Amino acid sequence: MIEQITMYTIRCDRCEITAFQDQEDTAWDSKEAAWELAENQGWEKINERHYCPGCYEIDEEDELVVKAGVRIYFEHKAK
């Protein structure tokens, strides 16, 4: 039997890279599980948007800030 199911992954709101693109498992059965694993890989949530480690930085006041510039998919690889 073929059955449709809903799975979740995380995509960067700046460069559109997916959190688990180089891994065997790329999606999970809950949003919470997907986010927990992405967060463990250095992903951050800023203003309700998700960012990979290559798309944000920490400013002089130790605040997370999204990098300026155009979203470029192959600009970097997720850690």
N, C-alpha and C. Protein backbone atom coordinates (compact mmCIF):
# COMPACT_ATOMS: atom_id res chain seq x y z
N MET A 1 0.84 -1.17 0.00
CA MET A 1 0.00 0.00 0.00
C MET A 1 0.90 1.24 0.00
N ILE A 2 0.54 2.22 -0.78
CA ILE A 2 1.22 3.50 -0.77
C ILE A 2 0.34 4.46 0.01
N GLU A 3 0.95 5.11 0.97
CA GLU A 3 0.20 6.01 1.83
C GLU A 3 0.92 7.36 1.92
N GLN A 4 0.18 8.43 1.86
CA GLN A 4 0.75 9.76 1.98
C GLN A 4 0.90 10.11 3.46
N ILE A 5 2.09 10.65 3.81
CA ILE A 5 2.32 11.09 5.18
C ILE A 5 2.91 12.50 5.15
N THR A 6 2.84 13.17 6.27
CA THR A 6 3.42 14.51 6.37
C THR A 6 4.72 14.43 7.14
N MET A 7 5.77 15.00 6.57
CA MET A 7 7.08 15.04 7.22
C MET A 7 7.56 16.49 7.21
N TYR A 8 8.54 16.78 8.08
CA TYR A 8 9.02 18.16 8.22
C TYR A 8 10.54 18.22 8.09
N THR A 9 11.00 19.31 7.49
CA THR A 9 12.42 19.62 7.42
C THR A 9 12.55 21.12 7.66
N ILE A 10 13.77 21.62 7.74
CA ILE A 10 14.01 23.04 7.98
C ILE A 10 14.78 23.60 6.78
N ARG A 11 14.32 24.73 6.25
CA ARG A 11 14.98 25.40 5.14
C ARG A 11 15.32 26.82 5.60
N CYS A 12 16.54 27.26 5.30
CA CYS A 12 16.99 28.60 5.67
C CYS A 12 16.18 29.65 4.93
N ASP A 13 15.68 30.64 5.67
CA ASP A 13 14.89 31.71 5.07
C ASP A 13 15.75 32.70 4.28
N ARG A 14 17.06 32.61 4.36
CA ARG A 14 17.92 33.51 3.59
C ARG A 14 18.46 32.83 2.34
N CYS A 15 19.15 31.70 2.51
CA CYS A 15 19.81 31.06 1.36
C CYS A 15 19.06 29.84 0.83
N GLU A 16 18.06 29.38 1.55
CA GLU A 16 17.20 28.26 1.16
C GLU A 16 17.86 26.89 1.23
N ILE A 17 19.02 26.80 1.86
CA ILE A 17 19.65 25.50 2.05
C ILE A 17 18.82 24.72 3.08
N THR A 18 18.76 23.39 2.95
CA THR A 18 18.03 22.60 3.94
C THR A 18 18.98 22.10 5.01
N ALA A 19 18.46 21.98 6.20
CA ALA A 19 19.28 21.64 7.37
C ALA A 19 19.95 20.28 7.24
N PHE A 20 19.34 19.35 6.61
CA PHE A 20 19.82 17.97 6.64
C PHE A 20 20.18 17.44 5.26
N GLN A 21 20.53 18.33 4.34
CA GLN A 21 20.72 17.92 2.94
C GLN A 21 21.83 16.90 2.73
N ASP A 22 22.84 16.88 3.59
CA ASP A 22 23.95 15.93 3.41
C ASP A 22 23.83 14.71 4.32
N GLN A 23 22.66 14.51 4.89
CA GLN A 23 22.47 13.40 5.82
C GLN A 23 21.51 12.37 5.24
N GLU A 24 21.56 11.20 5.81
CA GLU A 24 20.68 10.12 5.35
C GLU A 24 19.22 10.44 5.64
N ASP A 25 18.94 10.93 6.85
CA ASP A 25 17.58 11.32 7.22
C ASP A 25 17.42 12.81 6.94
N THR A 26 16.39 13.17 6.18
CA THR A 26 16.21 14.57 5.79
C THR A 26 14.90 15.16 6.26
N ALA A 27 14.04 14.37 6.89
CA ALA A 27 12.75 14.87 7.35
C ALA A 27 12.28 14.07 8.57
N TRP A 28 11.45 14.72 9.38
CA TRP A 28 10.97 14.10 10.61
C TRP A 28 9.46 14.23 10.71
N ASP A 29 8.87 13.46 11.62
CA ASP A 29 7.41 13.41 11.73
C ASP A 29 6.81 14.56 12.52
N SER A 30 7.63 15.44 13.09
CA SER A 30 7.09 16.61 13.80
C SER A 30 7.98 17.82 13.56
N LYS A 31 7.37 18.98 13.62
CA LYS A 31 8.13 20.23 13.47
C LYS A 31 9.14 20.36 14.60
N GLU A 32 8.74 19.95 15.79
CA GLU A 32 9.60 20.08 16.96
C GLU A 32 10.87 19.23 16.82
N ALA A 33 10.72 18.02 16.33
CA ALA A 33 11.87 17.14 16.15
C ALA A 33 12.82 17.70 15.10
N ALA A 34 12.28 18.19 14.00
CA ALA A 34 13.12 18.77 12.93
C ALA A 34 13.87 19.99 13.47
N TRP A 35 13.17 20.86 14.20
CA TRP A 35 13.82 22.06 14.71
C TRP A 35 14.88 21.72 15.76
N GLU A 36 14.60 20.78 16.64
CA GLU A 36 15.57 20.40 17.67
C GLU A 36 16.88 19.92 17.04
N LEU A 37 16.79 19.11 16.01
CA LEU A 37 17.99 18.61 15.35
C LEU A 37 18.71 19.71 14.58
N ALA A 38 17.98 20.60 13.94
CA ALA A 38 18.61 21.72 13.23
C ALA A 38 19.29 22.65 14.23
N GLU A 39 18.63 22.92 15.34
CA GLU A 39 19.20 23.80 16.36
C GLU A 39 20.50 23.21 16.92
N ASN A 40 20.55 21.90 17.05
CA ASN A 40 21.76 21.23 17.52
C ASN A 40 22.91 21.36 16.52
N GLN A 41 22.60 21.69 15.27
CA GLN A 41 23.61 21.89 14.24
C GLN A 41 23.95 23.36 14.05
N GLY A 42 23.49 24.22 14.95
CA GLY A 42 23.84 25.62 14.90
C GLY A 42 22.84 26.54 14.22
N TRP A 43 21.69 26.02 13.85
CA TRP A 43 20.67 26.85 13.24
C TRP A 43 20.04 27.74 14.31
N GLU A 44 19.55 28.92 13.89
CA GLU A 44 18.93 29.85 14.81
C GLU A 44 17.59 30.34 14.25
N LYS A 45 16.72 30.72 15.18
CA LYS A 45 15.43 31.30 14.83
C LYS A 45 15.48 32.77 15.22
N ILE A 46 15.30 33.66 14.24
CA ILE A 46 15.35 35.10 14.46
C ILE A 46 14.06 35.69 13.87
N ASN A 47 13.27 36.34 14.71
CA ASN A 47 12.00 36.94 14.25
C ASN A 47 11.12 35.93 13.53
N GLU A 48 11.00 34.74 14.10
CA GLU A 48 10.14 33.67 13.57
C GLU A 48 10.60 33.13 12.22
N ARG A 49 11.84 33.38 11.84
CA ARG A 49 12.42 32.82 10.62
C ARG A 49 13.63 31.97 11.01
N HIS A 50 13.94 30.98 10.18
CA HIS A 50 15.02 30.03 10.48
C HIS A 50 16.24 30.33 9.62
N TYR A 51 17.42 30.30 10.26
CA TYR A 51 18.67 30.62 9.56
C TYR A 51 19.75 29.60 9.85
N CYS A 52 20.44 29.19 8.80
CA CYS A 52 21.56 28.26 8.93
C CYS A 52 22.77 29.01 9.49
N PRO A 53 23.78 28.29 9.96
CA PRO A 53 24.96 28.94 10.55
C PRO A 53 25.68 29.91 9.62
N GLY A 54 25.56 29.76 8.33
CA GLY A 54 26.24 30.65 7.40
C GLY A 54 25.50 31.95 7.11
N CYS A 55 24.28 32.08 7.62
CA CYS A 55 23.46 33.25 7.28
C CYS A 55 23.21 34.21 8.43
N TYR A 56 23.80 33.96 9.58
CA TYR A 56 23.66 34.91 10.67
C TYR A 56 25.02 35.10 11.33
N GLU A 57 25.14 36.17 12.09
CA GLU A 57 26.36 36.42 12.84
C GLU A 57 25.99 37.05 14.17
N ILE A 58 26.95 37.17 15.04
CA ILE A 58 26.73 37.79 16.34
C ILE A 58 27.39 39.16 16.31
N ASP A 59 26.60 40.20 16.60
CA ASP A 59 27.14 41.56 16.53
C ASP A 59 27.88 41.94 17.81
N GLU A 60 28.32 43.21 17.88
CA GLU A 60 29.11 43.70 19.02
C GLU A 60 28.37 43.59 20.34
N GLU A 61 27.05 43.57 20.30
CA GLU A 61 26.23 43.50 21.51
C GLU A 61 25.78 42.07 21.81
N ASP A 62 26.46 41.09 21.19
CA ASP A 62 26.14 39.67 21.35
C ASP A 62 24.72 39.31 20.93
N GLU A 63 24.19 40.04 19.95
CA GLU A 63 22.87 39.77 19.39
C GLU A 63 23.02 39.01 18.08
N LEU A 64 22.10 38.11 17.81
CA LEU A 64 22.09 37.41 16.53
C LEU A 64 21.53 38.34 15.47
N VAL A 65 22.25 38.45 14.34
CA VAL A 65 21.84 39.33 13.26
C VAL A 65 21.97 38.57 11.94
N VAL A 66 20.93 38.67 11.11
CA VAL A 66 20.97 38.04 9.79
C VAL A 66 21.96 38.82 8.93
N LYS A 67 22.81 38.10 8.22
CA LYS A 67 23.79 38.75 7.35
C LYS A 67 23.08 39.50 6.24
N ALA A 68 23.65 40.63 5.86
CA ALA A 68 23.11 41.44 4.77
C ALA A 68 23.47 40.80 3.44
N GLY A 69 22.82 41.25 2.40
CA GLY A 69 23.16 40.76 1.07
C GLY A 69 22.08 39.90 0.47
N VAL A 70 22.34 39.49 -0.72
CA VAL A 70 21.40 38.70 -1.50
C VAL A 70 21.47 37.25 -1.06
N ARG A 71 20.34 36.58 -1.08
CA ARG A 71 20.32 35.16 -0.77
C ARG A 71 20.97 34.41 -1.91
N ILE A 72 22.03 33.69 -1.61
CA ILE A 72 22.73 32.90 -2.62
C ILE A 72 22.81 31.47 -2.12
N TYR A 73 22.17 30.56 -2.80
CA TYR A 73 22.04 29.18 -2.32
C TYR A 73 23.39 28.51 -2.08
N PHE A 74 24.35 28.65 -2.98
CA PHE A 74 25.62 27.95 -2.84
C PHE A 74 26.70 28.84 -2.22
N GLU A 75 26.29 29.87 -1.50
CA GLU A 75 27.23 30.77 -0.87
C GLU A 75 28.06 30.06 0.21
N HIS A 76 27.50 29.06 0.82
CA HIS A 76 28.18 28.34 1.90
C HIS A 76 27.50 26.99 2.08
N LYS A 77 28.08 26.18 2.89
CA LYS A 77 27.48 24.89 3.24
C LYS A 77 27.13 24.92 4.71
N ALA A 78 26.04 24.29 5.07
CA ALA A 78 25.66 24.19 6.47
C ALA A 78 26.70 23.34 7.20
N LYS A 79 26.93 23.66 8.45
CA LYS A 79 27.90 22.91 9.25
C LYS A 79 27.29 21.62 9.76
